[in-house]
N, C-alpha and C. Protein backbone atom coordinates (compact mmCIF):
# COMPACT_ATOMS: atom_id res chain seq x y z
N MET A 1 22.97 8.04 18.86
CA MET A 1 22.65 7.64 20.21
C MET A 1 23.22 8.69 21.16
N THR A 2 22.39 9.11 22.10
CA THR A 2 22.81 10.13 23.04
C THR A 2 22.66 9.57 24.44
N THR A 3 23.70 9.74 25.23
CA THR A 3 23.63 9.29 26.61
C THR A 3 23.19 10.44 27.48
N ALA A 4 22.85 10.13 28.72
CA ALA A 4 22.35 11.16 29.63
C ALA A 4 23.35 12.30 29.79
N GLY A 5 24.62 12.01 29.71
CA GLY A 5 25.63 13.04 29.89
C GLY A 5 25.75 14.00 28.72
N THR A 6 25.20 13.65 27.57
CA THR A 6 25.36 14.52 26.40
C THR A 6 24.05 15.09 25.88
N THR A 7 22.97 14.99 26.67
CA THR A 7 21.68 15.50 26.19
C THR A 7 21.71 17.00 26.00
N THR A 8 22.56 17.72 26.71
CA THR A 8 22.61 19.17 26.52
C THR A 8 23.27 19.53 25.20
N GLU A 9 24.02 18.63 24.60
CA GLU A 9 24.66 18.89 23.31
C GLU A 9 23.75 18.56 22.13
N LEU A 10 22.66 17.88 22.39
CA LEU A 10 21.72 17.48 21.36
C LEU A 10 20.97 18.69 20.83
N ARG A 11 20.87 18.77 19.50
CA ARG A 11 20.10 19.85 18.89
C ARG A 11 18.67 19.36 18.70
N TRP A 12 17.74 20.25 18.96
CA TRP A 12 16.33 19.94 18.83
C TRP A 12 15.68 20.88 17.84
N LEU A 13 14.67 20.38 17.17
CA LEU A 13 13.79 21.21 16.36
C LEU A 13 12.54 21.44 17.19
N VAL A 14 12.10 22.69 17.24
CA VAL A 14 10.92 23.03 18.03
C VAL A 14 9.94 23.73 17.10
N LEU A 15 8.74 23.18 17.01
CA LEU A 15 7.68 23.75 16.19
C LEU A 15 6.63 24.32 17.14
N VAL A 16 6.42 25.63 17.02
CA VAL A 16 5.41 26.32 17.81
C VAL A 16 4.34 26.76 16.82
N TYR A 17 3.10 26.36 17.07
CA TYR A 17 2.08 26.62 16.05
C TYR A 17 0.74 26.97 16.68
N LYS A 18 -0.09 27.56 15.84
CA LYS A 18 -1.48 27.84 16.19
C LYS A 18 -2.31 27.53 14.96
N VAL A 19 -3.31 26.67 15.13
CA VAL A 19 -4.17 26.24 14.04
C VAL A 19 -5.53 26.88 14.26
N PRO A 20 -6.20 27.29 13.18
CA PRO A 20 -7.54 27.85 13.33
C PRO A 20 -8.46 26.90 14.12
N ALA A 21 -9.34 27.45 14.93
CA ALA A 21 -10.23 26.64 15.77
C ALA A 21 -11.19 25.79 14.94
N GLU A 22 -11.61 26.30 13.82
CA GLU A 22 -12.55 25.58 12.96
C GLU A 22 -11.97 25.46 11.56
N PRO A 23 -12.18 24.41 10.87
CA PRO A 23 -12.79 23.17 11.34
C PRO A 23 -11.82 22.38 12.22
N THR A 24 -12.36 21.63 13.15
CA THR A 24 -11.53 20.90 14.13
C THR A 24 -10.68 19.82 13.47
N ARG A 25 -11.06 19.36 12.28
CA ARG A 25 -10.28 18.32 11.60
C ARG A 25 -8.86 18.81 11.29
N LEU A 26 -8.69 20.14 11.13
CA LEU A 26 -7.35 20.68 10.86
C LEU A 26 -6.45 20.45 12.07
N ARG A 27 -6.96 20.76 13.24
CA ARG A 27 -6.19 20.56 14.48
C ARG A 27 -5.85 19.09 14.66
N ALA A 28 -6.84 18.23 14.43
CA ALA A 28 -6.61 16.79 14.58
C ALA A 28 -5.60 16.29 13.55
N GLY A 29 -5.65 16.82 12.34
CA GLY A 29 -4.70 16.41 11.30
C GLY A 29 -3.27 16.79 11.66
N VAL A 30 -3.10 18.00 12.19
CA VAL A 30 -1.76 18.44 12.61
C VAL A 30 -1.26 17.56 13.75
N TRP A 31 -2.12 17.29 14.71
CA TRP A 31 -1.74 16.45 15.85
C TRP A 31 -1.29 15.07 15.36
N ARG A 32 -2.07 14.47 14.44
CA ARG A 32 -1.70 13.14 13.92
C ARG A 32 -0.35 13.17 13.22
N LYS A 33 -0.10 14.21 12.44
CA LYS A 33 1.18 14.30 11.73
C LYS A 33 2.34 14.45 12.70
N ILE A 34 2.15 15.25 13.73
CA ILE A 34 3.21 15.44 14.72
C ILE A 34 3.50 14.13 15.44
N LYS A 35 2.45 13.43 15.84
CA LYS A 35 2.63 12.14 16.50
C LYS A 35 3.27 11.12 15.55
N GLY A 36 2.86 11.17 14.28
CA GLY A 36 3.41 10.25 13.29
C GLY A 36 4.90 10.46 13.05
N LEU A 37 5.36 11.67 13.27
CA LEU A 37 6.79 11.96 13.13
C LEU A 37 7.58 11.51 14.36
N GLY A 38 6.85 11.21 15.44
CA GLY A 38 7.52 10.81 16.68
C GLY A 38 7.87 11.99 17.56
N ALA A 39 7.34 13.17 17.25
CA ALA A 39 7.64 14.35 18.06
C ALA A 39 6.94 14.25 19.41
N ILE A 40 7.48 14.96 20.37
CA ILE A 40 6.85 15.04 21.68
C ILE A 40 6.36 16.47 21.88
N TYR A 41 5.35 16.60 22.69
CA TYR A 41 4.85 17.93 23.03
C TYR A 41 5.52 18.42 24.30
N LEU A 42 6.12 19.59 24.21
CA LEU A 42 6.70 20.22 25.39
C LEU A 42 5.61 20.99 26.15
N GLN A 43 4.66 21.50 25.40
CA GLN A 43 3.46 22.18 25.90
C GLN A 43 2.43 22.08 24.79
N ASN A 44 1.22 22.62 25.05
CA ASN A 44 0.23 22.67 23.99
C ASN A 44 0.79 23.44 22.81
N SER A 45 0.69 22.87 21.64
CA SER A 45 1.12 23.50 20.38
C SER A 45 2.61 23.80 20.32
N VAL A 46 3.40 23.10 21.11
CA VAL A 46 4.86 23.22 21.06
C VAL A 46 5.43 21.80 21.00
N ALA A 47 5.88 21.42 19.81
CA ALA A 47 6.36 20.06 19.58
C ALA A 47 7.85 20.07 19.32
N ALA A 48 8.53 19.00 19.71
CA ALA A 48 9.98 18.92 19.55
C ALA A 48 10.41 17.56 19.02
N LEU A 49 11.47 17.60 18.24
CA LEU A 49 12.12 16.41 17.69
C LEU A 49 13.63 16.61 17.75
N PRO A 50 14.39 15.55 18.01
CA PRO A 50 15.84 15.68 17.86
C PRO A 50 16.14 16.07 16.41
N TRP A 51 17.12 16.92 16.22
CA TRP A 51 17.42 17.41 14.88
C TRP A 51 17.98 16.30 14.00
N SER A 52 17.46 16.28 12.78
CA SER A 52 18.03 15.51 11.68
C SER A 52 17.54 16.21 10.42
N SER A 53 18.20 15.97 9.31
CA SER A 53 17.75 16.63 8.09
C SER A 53 16.34 16.18 7.72
N GLY A 54 16.02 14.90 7.94
CA GLY A 54 14.69 14.40 7.66
C GLY A 54 13.64 15.02 8.56
N ALA A 55 13.97 15.16 9.85
CA ALA A 55 13.03 15.79 10.79
C ALA A 55 12.81 17.25 10.42
N GLU A 56 13.89 17.93 10.04
CA GLU A 56 13.75 19.33 9.64
C GLU A 56 12.86 19.46 8.41
N ARG A 57 13.08 18.61 7.45
CA ARG A 57 12.27 18.63 6.24
C ARG A 57 10.79 18.41 6.58
N ALA A 58 10.52 17.41 7.42
CA ALA A 58 9.14 17.09 7.79
C ALA A 58 8.49 18.25 8.55
N PHE A 59 9.21 18.84 9.48
CA PHE A 59 8.65 19.97 10.24
C PHE A 59 8.46 21.19 9.33
N ARG A 60 9.37 21.42 8.41
CA ARG A 60 9.20 22.55 7.48
C ARG A 60 7.95 22.34 6.61
N MET A 61 7.74 21.12 6.15
CA MET A 61 6.56 20.85 5.33
C MET A 61 5.28 21.01 6.17
N LEU A 62 5.32 20.55 7.42
CA LEU A 62 4.17 20.70 8.29
C LEU A 62 3.92 22.18 8.60
N ARG A 63 4.98 22.93 8.82
CA ARG A 63 4.84 24.37 9.04
C ARG A 63 4.15 25.02 7.85
N ASN A 64 4.55 24.64 6.66
CA ASN A 64 3.94 25.18 5.44
C ASN A 64 2.46 24.83 5.39
N GLU A 65 2.11 23.59 5.72
CA GLU A 65 0.70 23.18 5.73
C GLU A 65 -0.11 24.02 6.72
N ILE A 66 0.47 24.24 7.89
CA ILE A 66 -0.23 25.02 8.93
C ILE A 66 -0.49 26.44 8.45
N THR A 67 0.52 27.06 7.85
CA THR A 67 0.33 28.44 7.39
C THR A 67 -0.65 28.49 6.21
N GLU A 68 -0.64 27.48 5.36
CA GLU A 68 -1.58 27.44 4.24
C GLU A 68 -3.03 27.27 4.70
N MET A 69 -3.23 26.66 5.87
CA MET A 69 -4.60 26.50 6.39
C MET A 69 -5.04 27.71 7.21
N GLY A 70 -4.19 28.76 7.20
CA GLY A 70 -4.55 29.98 7.92
C GLY A 70 -4.01 30.06 9.33
N GLY A 71 -3.17 29.13 9.70
CA GLY A 71 -2.58 29.14 11.03
C GLY A 71 -1.23 29.85 11.02
N THR A 72 -0.57 29.81 12.15
CA THR A 72 0.78 30.37 12.26
C THR A 72 1.69 29.28 12.80
N ALA A 73 2.94 29.34 12.41
CA ALA A 73 3.90 28.34 12.88
C ALA A 73 5.31 28.89 12.77
N GLN A 74 6.09 28.64 13.79
CA GLN A 74 7.49 29.00 13.79
C GLN A 74 8.29 27.72 14.05
N LEU A 75 9.36 27.57 13.32
CA LEU A 75 10.24 26.42 13.48
C LEU A 75 11.59 26.91 13.94
N MET A 76 12.06 26.36 15.03
CA MET A 76 13.34 26.77 15.60
C MET A 76 14.23 25.56 15.80
N GLU A 77 15.51 25.82 15.70
CA GLU A 77 16.50 24.83 16.08
C GLU A 77 17.07 25.32 17.40
N SER A 78 17.17 24.42 18.36
CA SER A 78 17.65 24.88 19.67
C SER A 78 18.51 23.82 20.33
N GLN A 79 19.18 24.28 21.33
CA GLN A 79 19.96 23.42 22.20
C GLN A 79 19.40 23.66 23.59
N VAL A 80 19.14 22.62 24.33
CA VAL A 80 18.56 22.75 25.66
C VAL A 80 19.65 23.18 26.63
N LEU A 81 19.38 24.26 27.33
CA LEU A 81 20.35 24.75 28.31
C LEU A 81 20.13 24.11 29.69
N ALA A 82 18.90 23.80 30.01
CA ALA A 82 18.57 23.14 31.27
C ALA A 82 17.35 22.27 31.03
N GLY A 83 17.32 21.11 31.63
CA GLY A 83 16.19 20.20 31.48
C GLY A 83 16.31 19.25 30.31
N GLY A 84 17.47 19.17 29.72
CA GLY A 84 17.66 18.29 28.56
C GLY A 84 17.40 16.82 28.86
N ALA A 85 17.79 16.39 30.04
CA ALA A 85 17.57 14.98 30.41
C ALA A 85 16.08 14.67 30.46
N GLU A 86 15.27 15.62 30.96
CA GLU A 86 13.83 15.41 31.03
C GLU A 86 13.21 15.33 29.63
N ILE A 87 13.69 16.16 28.72
CA ILE A 87 13.17 16.13 27.36
C ILE A 87 13.55 14.81 26.68
N ALA A 88 14.79 14.40 26.84
CA ALA A 88 15.24 13.12 26.26
C ALA A 88 14.45 11.97 26.88
N GLN A 89 14.20 12.04 28.17
CA GLN A 89 13.43 11.00 28.85
C GLN A 89 12.00 10.95 28.30
N ALA A 90 11.39 12.10 28.07
CA ALA A 90 10.04 12.14 27.50
C ALA A 90 10.03 11.56 26.09
N PHE A 91 11.07 11.88 25.31
CA PHE A 91 11.17 11.35 23.95
C PHE A 91 11.31 9.83 23.99
N ASN A 92 12.17 9.32 24.87
CA ASN A 92 12.34 7.87 25.00
C ASN A 92 11.08 7.20 25.53
N ALA A 93 10.37 7.86 26.43
CA ALA A 93 9.12 7.30 26.96
C ALA A 93 8.09 7.16 25.83
N ALA A 94 8.06 8.14 24.93
CA ALA A 94 7.14 8.06 23.79
C ALA A 94 7.50 6.88 22.90
N ARG A 95 8.78 6.65 22.67
CA ARG A 95 9.19 5.50 21.87
C ARG A 95 8.85 4.21 22.60
N ASP A 96 9.10 4.16 23.91
CA ASP A 96 8.80 2.95 24.67
C ASP A 96 7.30 2.65 24.64
N ASP A 97 6.47 3.67 24.66
CA ASP A 97 5.02 3.46 24.53
C ASP A 97 4.70 2.83 23.18
N GLU A 98 5.37 3.30 22.14
CA GLU A 98 5.16 2.72 20.80
C GLU A 98 5.65 1.27 20.75
N TYR A 99 6.81 1.03 21.35
CA TYR A 99 7.32 -0.34 21.39
C TYR A 99 6.35 -1.25 22.15
N GLU A 100 5.82 -0.75 23.25
CA GLU A 100 4.88 -1.54 24.04
C GLU A 100 3.62 -1.86 23.25
N GLU A 101 3.20 -0.95 22.42
CA GLU A 101 2.04 -1.20 21.57
C GLU A 101 2.32 -2.36 20.61
N ILE A 102 3.52 -2.40 20.07
CA ILE A 102 3.87 -3.51 19.17
C ILE A 102 3.91 -4.82 19.95
N ILE A 103 4.46 -4.79 21.15
CA ILE A 103 4.51 -6.00 21.98
C ILE A 103 3.09 -6.49 22.24
N ASP A 104 2.17 -5.57 22.52
CA ASP A 104 0.78 -5.96 22.73
C ASP A 104 0.21 -6.60 21.47
N ARG A 105 0.52 -6.04 20.32
CA ARG A 105 0.02 -6.60 19.06
C ARG A 105 0.68 -7.95 18.79
N CYS A 106 1.90 -8.13 19.23
CA CYS A 106 2.56 -9.44 19.08
C CYS A 106 1.81 -10.48 19.91
N GLN A 107 1.35 -10.09 21.10
CA GLN A 107 0.57 -11.03 21.91
C GLN A 107 -0.72 -11.40 21.19
N ASP A 108 -1.35 -10.41 20.55
CA ASP A 108 -2.55 -10.69 19.75
C ASP A 108 -2.22 -11.64 18.60
N PHE A 109 -1.08 -11.41 17.96
CA PHE A 109 -0.64 -12.26 16.85
C PHE A 109 -0.47 -13.71 17.32
N LEU A 110 0.22 -13.87 18.45
CA LEU A 110 0.44 -15.22 18.98
C LEU A 110 -0.89 -15.87 19.36
N GLY A 111 -1.81 -15.07 19.89
CA GLY A 111 -3.15 -15.59 20.21
C GLY A 111 -3.89 -16.05 18.96
N GLU A 112 -3.71 -15.31 17.88
CA GLU A 112 -4.34 -15.68 16.61
C GLU A 112 -3.77 -17.00 16.09
N ILE A 113 -2.48 -17.17 16.19
CA ILE A 113 -1.85 -18.44 15.76
C ILE A 113 -2.38 -19.58 16.61
N GLU A 114 -2.45 -19.35 17.91
CA GLU A 114 -2.98 -20.38 18.82
C GLU A 114 -4.42 -20.72 18.47
N LYS A 115 -5.21 -19.72 18.14
CA LYS A 115 -6.61 -19.94 17.74
C LYS A 115 -6.68 -20.81 16.49
N GLU A 116 -5.77 -20.58 15.55
CA GLU A 116 -5.75 -21.39 14.32
C GLU A 116 -5.45 -22.85 14.65
N TYR A 117 -4.54 -23.06 15.60
CA TYR A 117 -4.23 -24.44 16.02
C TYR A 117 -5.46 -25.08 16.65
N ARG A 118 -6.12 -24.35 17.57
CA ARG A 118 -7.29 -24.92 18.25
C ARG A 118 -8.40 -25.26 17.26
N ALA A 119 -8.59 -24.39 16.27
CA ALA A 119 -9.65 -24.61 15.27
C ALA A 119 -9.19 -25.55 14.15
N GLU A 120 -7.93 -25.92 14.18
CA GLU A 120 -7.33 -26.77 13.16
C GLU A 120 -7.51 -26.19 11.75
N HIS A 121 -7.26 -24.88 11.66
CA HIS A 121 -7.27 -24.18 10.37
C HIS A 121 -5.84 -24.11 9.84
N PHE A 122 -5.46 -25.08 9.10
CA PHE A 122 -4.11 -25.13 8.56
C PHE A 122 -4.17 -24.96 7.05
N THR A 123 -4.47 -23.73 6.64
CA THR A 123 -4.65 -23.45 5.22
C THR A 123 -3.65 -22.38 4.77
N TYR A 124 -3.41 -22.38 3.48
CA TYR A 124 -2.53 -21.36 2.92
C TYR A 124 -3.13 -19.96 3.08
N ALA A 125 -4.44 -19.86 3.03
CA ALA A 125 -5.09 -18.55 3.19
C ALA A 125 -4.80 -17.99 4.58
N GLU A 126 -4.93 -18.83 5.60
CA GLU A 126 -4.64 -18.38 6.97
C GLU A 126 -3.15 -18.07 7.12
N LEU A 127 -2.31 -18.88 6.52
CA LEU A 127 -0.87 -18.65 6.59
C LEU A 127 -0.52 -17.32 5.94
N GLU A 128 -1.11 -17.06 4.78
CA GLU A 128 -0.83 -15.80 4.09
C GLU A 128 -1.29 -14.60 4.91
N GLU A 129 -2.46 -14.70 5.52
CA GLU A 129 -2.98 -13.61 6.34
C GLU A 129 -2.06 -13.35 7.53
N ASN A 130 -1.62 -14.40 8.20
CA ASN A 130 -0.73 -14.24 9.35
C ASN A 130 0.64 -13.71 8.92
N ASP A 131 1.10 -14.16 7.76
CA ASP A 131 2.37 -13.67 7.24
C ASP A 131 2.29 -12.16 6.98
N GLU A 132 1.18 -11.72 6.40
CA GLU A 132 0.99 -10.28 6.14
C GLU A 132 0.95 -9.49 7.44
N ASP A 133 0.31 -10.06 8.47
CA ASP A 133 0.25 -9.39 9.77
C ASP A 133 1.65 -9.23 10.37
N LEU A 134 2.48 -10.25 10.23
CA LEU A 134 3.84 -10.16 10.76
C LEU A 134 4.65 -9.13 9.98
N VAL A 135 4.48 -9.07 8.68
CA VAL A 135 5.17 -8.06 7.87
C VAL A 135 4.77 -6.65 8.34
N LYS A 136 3.50 -6.45 8.62
CA LYS A 136 3.03 -5.14 9.10
C LYS A 136 3.67 -4.79 10.43
N LEU A 137 3.74 -5.77 11.34
CA LEU A 137 4.38 -5.53 12.63
C LEU A 137 5.85 -5.16 12.46
N ARG A 138 6.54 -5.88 11.59
CA ARG A 138 7.96 -5.58 11.35
C ARG A 138 8.15 -4.20 10.72
N ASN A 139 7.27 -3.83 9.79
CA ASN A 139 7.38 -2.50 9.16
C ASN A 139 7.11 -1.40 10.18
N TRP A 140 6.15 -1.61 11.04
CA TRP A 140 5.84 -0.65 12.10
C TRP A 140 7.05 -0.50 13.03
N PHE A 141 7.64 -1.62 13.39
CA PHE A 141 8.83 -1.60 14.24
C PHE A 141 9.97 -0.83 13.57
N ALA A 142 10.15 -1.03 12.28
CA ALA A 142 11.22 -0.32 11.55
C ALA A 142 10.99 1.19 11.59
N LYS A 143 9.74 1.62 11.46
CA LYS A 143 9.44 3.05 11.53
C LYS A 143 9.78 3.63 12.90
N ILE A 144 9.44 2.89 13.93
CA ILE A 144 9.74 3.37 15.28
C ILE A 144 11.25 3.38 15.51
N GLN A 145 11.93 2.34 15.09
CA GLN A 145 13.38 2.30 15.25
C GLN A 145 14.05 3.47 14.52
N ALA A 146 13.52 3.84 13.37
CA ALA A 146 14.11 4.93 12.60
C ALA A 146 14.03 6.25 13.36
N ARG A 147 12.99 6.43 14.15
CA ARG A 147 12.89 7.69 14.90
C ARG A 147 13.39 7.56 16.33
N ASP A 148 13.82 6.37 16.71
CA ASP A 148 14.35 6.13 18.05
C ASP A 148 15.84 6.52 18.10
N VAL A 149 16.10 7.78 17.89
CA VAL A 149 17.49 8.24 17.77
C VAL A 149 18.19 8.37 19.11
N LEU A 150 17.43 8.29 20.21
CA LEU A 150 18.06 8.40 21.53
C LEU A 150 18.20 7.05 22.22
N GLY A 151 17.77 5.99 21.58
CA GLY A 151 17.98 4.64 22.12
C GLY A 151 17.07 4.28 23.27
N ALA A 152 15.78 4.32 23.06
CA ALA A 152 14.82 3.93 24.10
C ALA A 152 15.03 2.47 24.47
N SER A 153 14.70 2.14 25.70
CA SER A 153 14.99 0.81 26.22
C SER A 153 14.08 -0.28 25.69
N GLY A 154 12.92 0.07 25.14
CA GLY A 154 11.95 -0.94 24.73
C GLY A 154 12.27 -1.68 23.44
N SER A 155 13.30 -1.27 22.75
CA SER A 155 13.63 -1.88 21.47
C SER A 155 13.97 -3.37 21.60
N ALA A 156 14.74 -3.72 22.60
CA ALA A 156 15.17 -5.12 22.75
C ALA A 156 14.00 -6.04 23.03
N ALA A 157 13.09 -5.64 23.90
CA ALA A 157 11.92 -6.47 24.21
C ALA A 157 11.03 -6.62 22.98
N THR A 158 10.95 -5.58 22.18
CA THR A 158 10.14 -5.64 20.97
C THR A 158 10.77 -6.58 19.96
N THR A 159 12.07 -6.52 19.83
CA THR A 159 12.79 -7.44 18.94
C THR A 159 12.51 -8.88 19.36
N ALA A 160 12.56 -9.14 20.66
CA ALA A 160 12.31 -10.49 21.17
C ALA A 160 10.87 -10.92 20.89
N ALA A 161 9.92 -10.01 21.06
CA ALA A 161 8.51 -10.34 20.81
C ALA A 161 8.29 -10.66 19.34
N LEU A 162 8.90 -9.88 18.47
CA LEU A 162 8.77 -10.15 17.03
C LEU A 162 9.43 -11.48 16.67
N GLN A 163 10.51 -11.83 17.33
CA GLN A 163 11.17 -13.11 17.08
C GLN A 163 10.25 -14.26 17.49
N ARG A 164 9.55 -14.10 18.63
CA ARG A 164 8.60 -15.14 19.05
C ARG A 164 7.49 -15.30 18.02
N CYS A 165 7.04 -14.18 17.46
CA CYS A 165 6.00 -14.23 16.42
C CYS A 165 6.51 -14.97 15.18
N ALA A 166 7.74 -14.66 14.78
CA ALA A 166 8.32 -15.31 13.60
C ALA A 166 8.45 -16.81 13.82
N GLU A 167 8.88 -17.21 15.02
CA GLU A 167 9.02 -18.63 15.32
C GLU A 167 7.66 -19.33 15.32
N ALA A 168 6.65 -18.66 15.89
CA ALA A 168 5.31 -19.24 15.90
C ALA A 168 4.78 -19.38 14.48
N LEU A 169 5.03 -18.39 13.65
CA LEU A 169 4.57 -18.45 12.27
C LEU A 169 5.30 -19.56 11.52
N ASP A 170 6.59 -19.71 11.77
CA ASP A 170 7.33 -20.80 11.13
C ASP A 170 6.75 -22.16 11.52
N GLY A 171 6.42 -22.33 12.80
CA GLY A 171 5.82 -23.58 13.25
C GLY A 171 4.46 -23.82 12.61
N TYR A 172 3.68 -22.75 12.50
CA TYR A 172 2.36 -22.85 11.87
C TYR A 172 2.51 -23.20 10.39
N ALA A 173 3.47 -22.57 9.73
CA ALA A 173 3.71 -22.85 8.31
C ALA A 173 4.08 -24.32 8.12
N ALA A 174 4.91 -24.85 8.99
CA ALA A 174 5.31 -26.25 8.89
C ALA A 174 4.08 -27.15 9.00
N ARG A 175 3.16 -26.78 9.89
CA ARG A 175 1.94 -27.57 10.05
C ARG A 175 1.07 -27.46 8.79
N VAL A 176 0.97 -26.26 8.21
CA VAL A 176 0.21 -26.09 6.97
C VAL A 176 0.81 -26.97 5.87
N TYR A 177 2.14 -26.97 5.77
CA TYR A 177 2.80 -27.79 4.75
C TYR A 177 2.55 -29.27 4.99
N ALA A 178 2.57 -29.68 6.26
CA ALA A 178 2.32 -31.09 6.59
C ALA A 178 0.89 -31.49 6.23
N GLU A 179 -0.06 -30.62 6.52
CA GLU A 179 -1.46 -30.88 6.19
C GLU A 179 -1.64 -30.99 4.68
N GLU A 180 -0.90 -30.14 3.94
CA GLU A 180 -0.98 -30.17 2.48
C GLU A 180 -0.50 -31.54 1.97
N GLY A 181 0.58 -32.03 2.57
CA GLY A 181 1.14 -33.32 2.16
C GLY A 181 0.19 -34.48 2.44
N GLU A 182 -0.57 -34.37 3.57
CA GLU A 182 -1.51 -35.42 3.91
C GLU A 182 -2.70 -35.44 2.96
N GLY A 183 -3.06 -34.27 2.40
CA GLY A 183 -4.23 -34.19 1.54
C GLY A 183 -3.97 -34.71 0.14
N GLN A 184 -2.74 -35.00 -0.19
CA GLN A 184 -2.43 -35.44 -1.55
C GLN A 184 -2.41 -36.94 -1.67
C-alpha cells in the first residue's frame, strides 16, 4: 500500500512497444493483455505497472510475444521523479472502474434473484446457476484486489455489494429448500 506521500518512492515497470500495423488482431491482443494485467497507459504504446516480481514476469513475457510477432518492445524499471501522484491516481482510477463494473454486475445479480422470486422459480437448477454467477463475481473481485497494490477506494463498496449478493443468494437458497420440503 502506498500513500500519496510515498508515490515518488514507488518503482514502476514501463513497457514501451510498437506492434506491426497488420494484422490488427495483434494490436488488439496486446491491448487486451495489458489491460488484463491492470496496467495503465501513460501514452499510446507506453504502459505502466507498479513493480512486483509477478508484474515483471508478465511484462517480460508480453515483451517477448511482441518481439516474436515482429514488433519492438523495451521494458524499463523506473522511479517517478515528478508526477507520481498523478500516475498513482490514474492506476487507482483504473481499479475503481473495475470495482464499479463488479458493483454493476452485482446489481444485475440481485435483479436476477428478484426475477426468480417474481416468477416463483425455486429450483436447484436456478440456485446452482446463481451460485456459479456469485463465484465468478468473487473470483473477478479477487483478481482485481490482487493488482490493487495502491489501495483504490472502490474495494470497500465492492465488498459490501458482494455481501449483499451472498445474503440474497442465501435467502433464495432457503426458499428453494423450503419448496423442496413442501414437494415431498
